[in-house]
Amino acid sequence: MNELLLKLREQWDGLNDRERRLLAICGVVVAVFVLGFPLMWIASQNSDIADENAELRELLTTLAEEGTDLKYRAQARKASRTRYKNKTPPLGSFLEGEAGKHSLKIQEVTDQPEKTTGNYLRRNVRASISDVDLTGAMNLVSGLVSSPYPVAIEHLQLEHFQPGDKYRLRLGVLTFDRTKAKSKDKDEDKGEGDRG
């Protein structure tokens, strides 16, 4: 080892001032590169990890904020599937039964043509009720919408031709009945039953 140091010392002594300066500068550059490159690489990796952590934090915050909404949507889908399992009775008699619950008499019921849309059969009726007050009309609409059947209010019109708190209500109600059961829906129902 001493011999190697002696040879290096002799080589160094044999160099002129300019060569010594160039060699010293080259040594400094190599030392900076050898020591600086790992530090720069580590800093770059840390920066990438920090960016990924920030993105993950943002995603977790979004999921936490949207968690209740996602649960609500899942419950709404499940309730909707449950409603579609119930076939709505003939709409005219169903509507008359709901009106009877609120002491209302339907004057006229008109069935609309049935229409097939995908795996569903759409049935539709229009009805007219005279001498109804606003409370009765809202109770009827609320009863229809909250029924266990897949019914929806398609048309609602209140006419006020006479003095007082009596109106004429024109109402359009529609329902969708499944014509074919999808295997995917059956699998989803089984999966939810297993989870519940």
C-alpha atoms as a PDB file:
ATOM      1  CA  MET A   1       0.000   0.000   0.000  1.00  0.00           C
ATOM      2  CA  ASN A   2       2.889   2.316   0.867  1.00  0.00           C
ATOM      3  CA  GLU A   3       4.455   1.608  -2.488  1.00  0.00           C
ATOM      4  CA  LEU A   4       1.266   2.626  -4.291  1.00  0.00           C
ATOM      5  CA  LEU A   5       1.138   5.871  -2.317  1.00  0.00           C
ATOM      6  CA  LEU A   6       4.793   6.544  -3.115  1.00  0.00           C
ATOM      7  CA  LYS A   7       4.208   5.983  -6.842  1.00  0.00           C
ATOM      8  CA  LEU A   8       1.191   8.308  -6.776  1.00  0.00           C
ATOM      9  CA  ARG A   9       3.228  10.905  -4.916  1.00  0.00           C
ATOM     10  CA  GLU A  10       6.027  10.690  -7.501  1.00  0.00           C
ATOM     11  CA  GLN A  11       3.501  11.025 -10.331  1.00  0.00           C
ATOM     12  CA  TRP A  12       1.978  14.063  -8.608  1.00  0.00           C
ATOM     13  CA  ASP A  13       5.382  15.677  -8.136  1.00  0.00           C
ATOM     14  CA  GLY A  14       6.164  15.079 -11.825  1.00  0.00           C
ATOM     15  CA  LEU A  15       3.150  17.158 -12.925  1.00  0.00           C
ATOM     16  CA  ASN A  16       3.388  20.873 -13.608  1.00  0.00           C
ATOM     17  CA  ASP A  17       1.018  23.378 -11.952  1.00  0.00           C
ATOM     18  CA  ARG A  18      -1.470  23.411 -14.832  1.00  0.00           C
ATOM     19  CA  GLU A  19      -1.750  19.598 -14.898  1.00  0.00           C
ATOM     20  CA  ARG A  20      -2.175  19.542 -11.119  1.00  0.00           C
ATOM     21  CA  ARG A  21      -5.024  22.061 -11.346  1.00  0.00           C
ATOM     22  CA  LEU A  22      -6.745  20.073 -14.135  1.00  0.00           C
ATOM     23  CA  LEU A  23      -6.348  16.829 -12.213  1.00  0.00           C
ATOM     24  CA  ALA A  24      -7.673  18.477  -9.042  1.00  0.00           C
ATOM     25  CA  ILE A  25     -10.689  19.873 -10.959  1.00  0.00           C
ATOM     26  CA  CYS A  26     -11.373  16.450 -12.508  1.00  0.00           C
ATOM     27  CA  GLY A  27     -11.122  14.860  -9.057  1.00  0.00           C
ATOM     28  CA  VAL A  28     -13.595  17.374  -7.619  1.00  0.00           C
ATOM     29  CA  VAL A  29     -16.027  16.783 -10.529  1.00  0.00           C
ATOM     30  CA  VAL A  30     -15.790  12.997 -10.078  1.00  0.00           C
ATOM     31  CA  ALA A  31     -16.236  13.334  -6.299  1.00  0.00           C
ATOM     32  CA  VAL A  32     -19.267  15.625  -6.749  1.00  0.00           C
ATOM     33  CA  PHE A  33     -20.782  13.200  -9.273  1.00  0.00           C
ATOM     34  CA  VAL A  34     -20.123  10.150  -7.101  1.00  0.00           C
ATOM     35  CA  LEU A  35     -21.506  11.838  -3.992  1.00  0.00           C
ATOM     36  CA  GLY A  36     -24.182  13.992  -5.653  1.00  0.00           C
ATOM     37  CA  PHE A  37     -25.832  11.494  -8.025  1.00  0.00           C
ATOM     38  CA  PRO A  38     -27.205   9.220  -5.283  1.00  0.00           C
ATOM     39  CA  LEU A  39     -28.481  12.263  -3.394  1.00  0.00           C
ATOM     40  CA  MET A  40     -30.230  13.609  -6.504  1.00  0.00           C
ATOM     41  CA  TRP A  41     -31.684  10.185  -7.284  1.00  0.00           C
ATOM     42  CA  ILE A  42     -32.989   9.818  -3.716  1.00  0.00           C
ATOM     43  CA  ALA A  43     -34.478  13.337  -3.833  1.00  0.00           C
ATOM     44  CA  SER A  44     -36.208  12.492  -7.131  1.00  0.00           C
ATOM     45  CA  GLN A  45     -37.618   9.259  -5.706  1.00  0.00           C
ATOM     46  CA  ASN A  46     -38.824  11.089  -2.590  1.00  0.00           C
ATOM     47  CA  SER A  47     -40.542  13.681  -4.766  1.00  0.00           C
ATOM     48  CA  ASP A  48     -42.340  10.945  -6.758  1.00  0.00           C
ATOM     49  CA  ILE A  49     -43.417   9.204  -3.550  1.00  0.00           C
ATOM     50  CA  ALA A  50     -44.671  12.503  -2.107  1.00  0.00           C
ATOM     51  CA  ASP A  51     -46.731  13.121  -5.264  1.00  0.00           C
ATOM     52  CA  GLU A  52     -48.233   9.618  -5.098  1.00  0.00           C
ATOM     53  CA  ASN A  53     -49.027  10.101  -1.406  1.00  0.00           C
ATOM     54  CA  ALA A  54     -50.775  13.393  -2.161  1.00  0.00           C
ATOM     55  CA  GLU A  55     -52.867  11.722  -4.886  1.00  0.00           C
ATOM     56  CA  LEU A  56     -53.771   8.848  -2.541  1.00  0.00           C
ATOM     57  CA  ARG A  57     -54.723  11.295   0.225  1.00  0.00           C
ATOM     58  CA  GLU A  58     -56.958  13.173  -2.207  1.00  0.00           C
ATOM     59  CA  LEU A  59     -58.597   9.916  -3.349  1.00  0.00           C
ATOM     60  CA  LEU A  60     -59.207   8.798   0.248  1.00  0.00           C
ATOM     61  CA  THR A  61     -60.700  12.191   1.096  1.00  0.00           C
ATOM     62  CA  THR A  62     -63.013  11.977  -1.934  1.00  0.00           C
ATOM     63  CA  LEU A  63     -64.067   8.435  -0.995  1.00  0.00           C
ATOM     64  CA  ALA A  64     -64.761   9.513   2.581  1.00  0.00           C
ATOM     65  CA  GLU A  65     -66.871  12.448   1.381  1.00  0.00           C
ATOM     66  CA  GLU A  66     -68.740  10.355  -1.193  1.00  0.00           C
ATOM     67  CA  GLY A  67     -69.090   7.265   1.025  1.00  0.00           C
ATOM     68  CA  THR A  68     -72.555   8.132   2.305  1.00  0.00           C
ATOM     69  CA  ASP A  69     -73.708   8.991  -1.202  1.00  0.00           C
ATOM     70  CA  LEU A  70     -72.389   5.670  -2.518  1.00  0.00           C
ATOM     71  CA  LYS A  71     -74.199   3.788   0.271  1.00  0.00           C
ATOM     72  CA  TYR A  72     -77.399   5.681  -0.508  1.00  0.00           C
ATOM     73  CA  ARG A  73     -77.098   4.824  -4.212  1.00  0.00           C
ATOM     74  CA  ALA A  74     -76.526   1.145  -3.436  1.00  0.00           C
ATOM     75  CA  GLN A  75     -79.591   1.097  -1.179  1.00  0.00           C
ATOM     76  CA  ALA A  76     -81.653   2.869  -3.852  1.00  0.00           C
ATOM     77  CA  ARG A  77     -80.592   0.293  -6.482  1.00  0.00           C
ATOM     78  CA  LYS A  78     -81.508  -2.543  -4.147  1.00  0.00           C
ATOM     79  CA  ALA A  79     -84.902  -0.984  -3.372  1.00  0.00           C
ATOM     80  CA  SER A  80     -85.513  -0.418  -7.069  1.00  0.00           C
ATOM     81  CA  ARG A  81     -84.740  -4.060  -7.899  1.00  0.00           C
ATOM     82  CA  THR A  82     -87.063  -5.146  -5.106  1.00  0.00           C
ATOM     83  CA  ARG A  83     -89.860  -2.959  -6.505  1.00  0.00           C
ATOM     84  CA  TYR A  84     -89.393  -4.371 -10.014  1.00  0.00           C
ATOM     85  CA  LYS A  85     -89.901  -7.888  -8.641  1.00  0.00           C
ATOM     86  CA  ASN A  86     -93.479  -6.868  -7.775  1.00  0.00           C
ATOM     87  CA  LYS A  87     -95.740  -6.848 -10.807  1.00  0.00           C
ATOM     88  CA  THR A  88     -98.130  -3.919 -10.737  1.00  0.00           C
ATOM     89  CA  PRO A  89    -101.810  -4.917 -10.883  1.00  0.00           C
ATOM     90  CA  PRO A  90    -103.944  -3.423 -13.689  1.00  0.00           C
ATOM     91  CA  LEU A  91    -103.238   0.294 -13.432  1.00  0.00           C
ATOM     92  CA  GLY A  92    -106.855   1.442 -13.634  1.00  0.00           C
ATOM     93  CA  SER A  93    -107.966  -0.622 -10.638  1.00  0.00           C
ATOM     94  CA  PHE A  94    -104.704   0.118  -8.799  1.00  0.00           C
ATOM     95  CA  LEU A  95    -105.276   3.857  -9.267  1.00  0.00           C
ATOM     96  CA  GLU A  96    -108.915   3.586  -8.148  1.00  0.00           C
ATOM     97  CA  GLY A  97    -107.820   1.651  -5.037  1.00  0.00           C
ATOM     98  CA  GLU A  98    -105.221   4.287  -4.146  1.00  0.00           C
ATOM     99  CA  ALA A  99    -107.761   7.083  -4.708  1.00  0.00           C
ATOM    100  CA  GLY A 100    -110.270   5.256  -2.513  1.00  0.00           C
ATOM    101  CA  LYS A 101    -107.740   5.214   0.340  1.00  0.00           C
ATOM    102  CA  HIS A 102    -107.882   9.037   0.294  1.00  0.00           C
ATOM    103  CA  SER A 103    -111.679   9.281  -0.232  1.00  0.00           C
ATOM    104  CA  LEU A 104    -111.320  10.382  -3.849  1.00  0.00           C
ATOM    105  CA  LYS A 105    -113.434   9.201  -6.773  1.00  0.00           C
ATOM    106  CA  ILE A 106    -111.938   8.836 -10.213  1.00  0.00           C
ATOM    107  CA  GLN A 107    -114.281  10.030 -12.951  1.00  0.00           C
ATOM    108  CA  GLU A 108    -112.447   8.786 -15.993  1.00  0.00           C
ATOM    109  CA  VAL A 109    -109.609   6.318 -16.624  1.00  0.00           C
ATOM    110  CA  THR A 110    -108.057   5.920 -20.060  1.00  0.00           C
ATOM    111  CA  ASP A 111    -105.606   3.122 -20.792  1.00  0.00           C
ATOM    112  CA  GLN A 112    -102.767   4.081 -23.088  1.00  0.00           C
ATOM    113  CA  PRO A 113    -101.159   1.620 -25.522  1.00  0.00           C
ATOM    114  CA  GLU A 114     -98.574  -0.722 -24.033  1.00  0.00           C
ATOM    115  CA  LYS A 115     -95.002  -0.422 -25.237  1.00  0.00           C
ATOM    116  CA  THR A 116     -92.063  -2.819 -24.927  1.00  0.00           C
ATOM    117  CA  THR A 117     -88.748  -1.205 -24.038  1.00  0.00           C
ATOM    118  CA  GLY A 118     -85.833  -3.619 -23.740  1.00  0.00           C
ATOM    119  CA  ASN A 119     -86.779  -6.212 -21.113  1.00  0.00           C
ATOM    120  CA  TYR A 120     -89.686  -4.147 -19.799  1.00  0.00           C
ATOM    121  CA  LEU A 121     -93.318  -3.707 -20.735  1.00  0.00           C
ATOM    122  CA  ARG A 122     -94.535  -0.149 -20.162  1.00  0.00           C
ATOM    123  CA  ARG A 123     -98.176   0.287 -19.188  1.00  0.00           C
ATOM    124  CA  ASN A 124     -99.744   3.691 -18.870  1.00  0.00           C
ATOM    125  CA  VAL A 125    -103.097   5.185 -17.799  1.00  0.00           C
ATOM    126  CA  ARG A 126    -104.537   8.675 -17.626  1.00  0.00           C
ATOM    127  CA  ALA A 127    -107.144   9.549 -15.012  1.00  0.00           C
ATOM    128  CA  SER A 128    -109.276  12.527 -14.085  1.00  0.00           C
ATOM    129  CA  ILE A 129    -110.562  13.406 -10.604  1.00  0.00           C
ATOM    130  CA  SER A 130    -112.891  16.349  -9.912  1.00  0.00           C
ATOM    131  CA  ASP A 131    -113.524  18.272  -6.693  1.00  0.00           C
ATOM    132  CA  VAL A 132    -110.256  17.369  -5.011  1.00  0.00           C
ATOM    133  CA  ASP A 133    -108.448  19.599  -2.546  1.00  0.00           C
ATOM    134  CA  LEU A 134    -104.676  20.035  -2.564  1.00  0.00           C
ATOM    135  CA  THR A 135    -104.140  17.841   0.488  1.00  0.00           C
ATOM    136  CA  GLY A 136    -106.033  14.960  -1.103  1.00  0.00           C
ATOM    137  CA  ALA A 137    -104.154  15.377  -4.385  1.00  0.00           C
ATOM    138  CA  MET A 138    -100.769  15.357  -2.642  1.00  0.00           C
ATOM    139  CA  ASN A 139    -101.733  12.368  -0.474  1.00  0.00           C
ATOM    140  CA  LEU A 140    -102.759  10.440  -3.607  1.00  0.00           C
ATOM    141  CA  VAL A 141     -99.515  11.289  -5.414  1.00  0.00           C
ATOM    142  CA  SER A 142     -97.472  10.397  -2.322  1.00  0.00           C
ATOM    143  CA  GLY A 143     -99.308   7.071  -1.962  1.00  0.00           C
ATOM    144  CA  LEU A 144     -98.682   6.207  -5.608  1.00  0.00           C
ATOM    145  CA  VAL A 145     -94.978   7.012  -5.482  1.00  0.00           C
ATOM    146  CA  SER A 146     -94.390   5.156  -2.191  1.00  0.00           C
ATOM    147  CA  SER A 147     -96.277   2.018  -3.257  1.00  0.00           C
ATOM    148  CA  PRO A 148     -94.368  -1.273  -3.404  1.00  0.00           C
ATOM    149  CA  TYR A 149     -94.844  -1.359  -7.182  1.00  0.00           C
ATOM    150  CA  PRO A 150     -92.618   0.224  -9.850  1.00  0.00           C
ATOM    151  CA  VAL A 151     -95.000   3.076 -10.677  1.00  0.00           C
ATOM    152  CA  ALA A 152     -94.205   6.652 -11.581  1.00  0.00           C
ATOM    153  CA  ILE A 153     -96.178   9.834 -12.118  1.00  0.00           C
ATOM    154  CA  GLU A 154     -95.868  10.735 -15.768  1.00  0.00           C
ATOM    155  CA  HIS A 155     -98.285  13.634 -15.920  1.00  0.00           C
ATOM    156  CA  LEU A 156     -99.840  15.861 -13.258  1.00  0.00           C
ATOM    157  CA  GLN A 157    -102.132  18.778 -13.974  1.00  0.00           C
ATOM    158  CA  LEU A 158    -104.287  20.780 -11.577  1.00  0.00           C
ATOM    159  CA  GLU A 159    -107.087  22.908 -13.012  1.00  0.00           C
ATOM    160  CA  HIS A 160    -108.919  25.482 -10.937  1.00  0.00           C
ATOM    161  CA  PHE A 161    -112.164  26.376 -12.699  1.00  0.00           C
ATOM    162  CA  GLN A 162    -114.357  27.071  -9.683  1.00  0.00           C
ATOM    163  CA  PRO A 163    -113.952  29.248  -6.601  1.00  0.00           C
ATOM    164  CA  GLY A 164    -112.773  27.688  -3.380  1.00  0.00           C
ATOM    165  CA  ASP A 165    -110.278  24.983  -2.562  1.00  0.00           C
ATOM    166  CA  LYS A 166    -111.495  22.384  -5.061  1.00  0.00           C
ATOM    167  CA  TYR A 167    -109.523  21.425  -8.148  1.00  0.00           C
ATOM    168  CA  ARG A 168    -109.702  19.088 -11.065  1.00  0.00           C
ATOM    169  CA  LEU A 169    -106.738  16.689 -11.103  1.00  0.00           C
ATOM    170  CA  ARG A 170    -105.518  15.054 -14.279  1.00  0.00           C
ATOM    171  CA  LEU A 171    -103.010  12.350 -13.611  1.00  0.00           C
ATOM    172  CA  GLY A 172    -100.856  10.087 -15.767  1.00  0.00           C
ATOM    173  CA  VAL A 173     -99.379   6.995 -14.142  1.00  0.00           C
ATOM    174  CA  LEU A 174     -97.034   4.484 -15.720  1.00  0.00           C
ATOM    175  CA  THR A 175     -95.382   1.257 -14.690  1.00  0.00           C
ATOM    176  CA  PHE A 176     -92.708  -1.033 -16.050  1.00  0.00           C
ATOM    177  CA  ASP A 177     -93.056  -4.813 -15.798  1.00  0.00           C
ATOM    178  CA  ARG A 178     -90.161  -7.134 -16.512  1.00  0.00           C
ATOM    179  CA  THR A 179     -90.719  -9.370 -19.488  1.00  0.00           C
ATOM    180  CA  LYS A 180     -87.483 -11.373 -18.969  1.00  0.00           C
ATOM    181  CA  ALA A 181     -85.478 -11.786 -15.793  1.00  0.00           C
ATOM    182  CA  LYS A 182     -81.842 -10.988 -16.356  1.00  0.00           C
ATOM    183  CA  SER A 183     -79.407 -13.520 -14.939  1.00  0.00           C
ATOM    184  CA  LYS A 184     -77.125 -10.627 -13.967  1.00  0.00           C
ATOM    185  CA  ASP A 185     -79.849  -9.172 -11.719  1.00  0.00           C
ATOM    186  CA  LYS A 186     -80.406 -12.589 -10.135  1.00  0.00           C
ATOM    187  CA  ASP A 187     -76.687 -12.915  -9.435  1.00  0.00           C
ATOM    188  CA  GLU A 188     -76.592  -9.403  -7.924  1.00  0.00           C
ATOM    189  CA  ASP A 189     -79.580 -10.206  -5.701  1.00  0.00           C
ATOM    190  CA  LYS A 190     -77.896 -13.407  -4.507  1.00  0.00           C
ATOM    191  CA  GLY A 191     -74.667 -11.514  -3.823  1.00  0.00           C
ATOM    192  CA  GLU A 192     -76.468  -8.862  -1.818  1.00  0.00           C
ATOM    193  CA  GLY A 193     -78.336 -11.546   0.119  1.00  0.00           C
ATOM    194  CA  ASP A 194     -75.045 -13.176   1.039  1.00  0.00           C
ATOM    195  CA  ARG A 195     -73.618  -9.855   2.200  1.00  0.00           C
ATOM    196  CA  GLY A 196     -76.708  -8.772   4.154  1.00  0.00           C
END
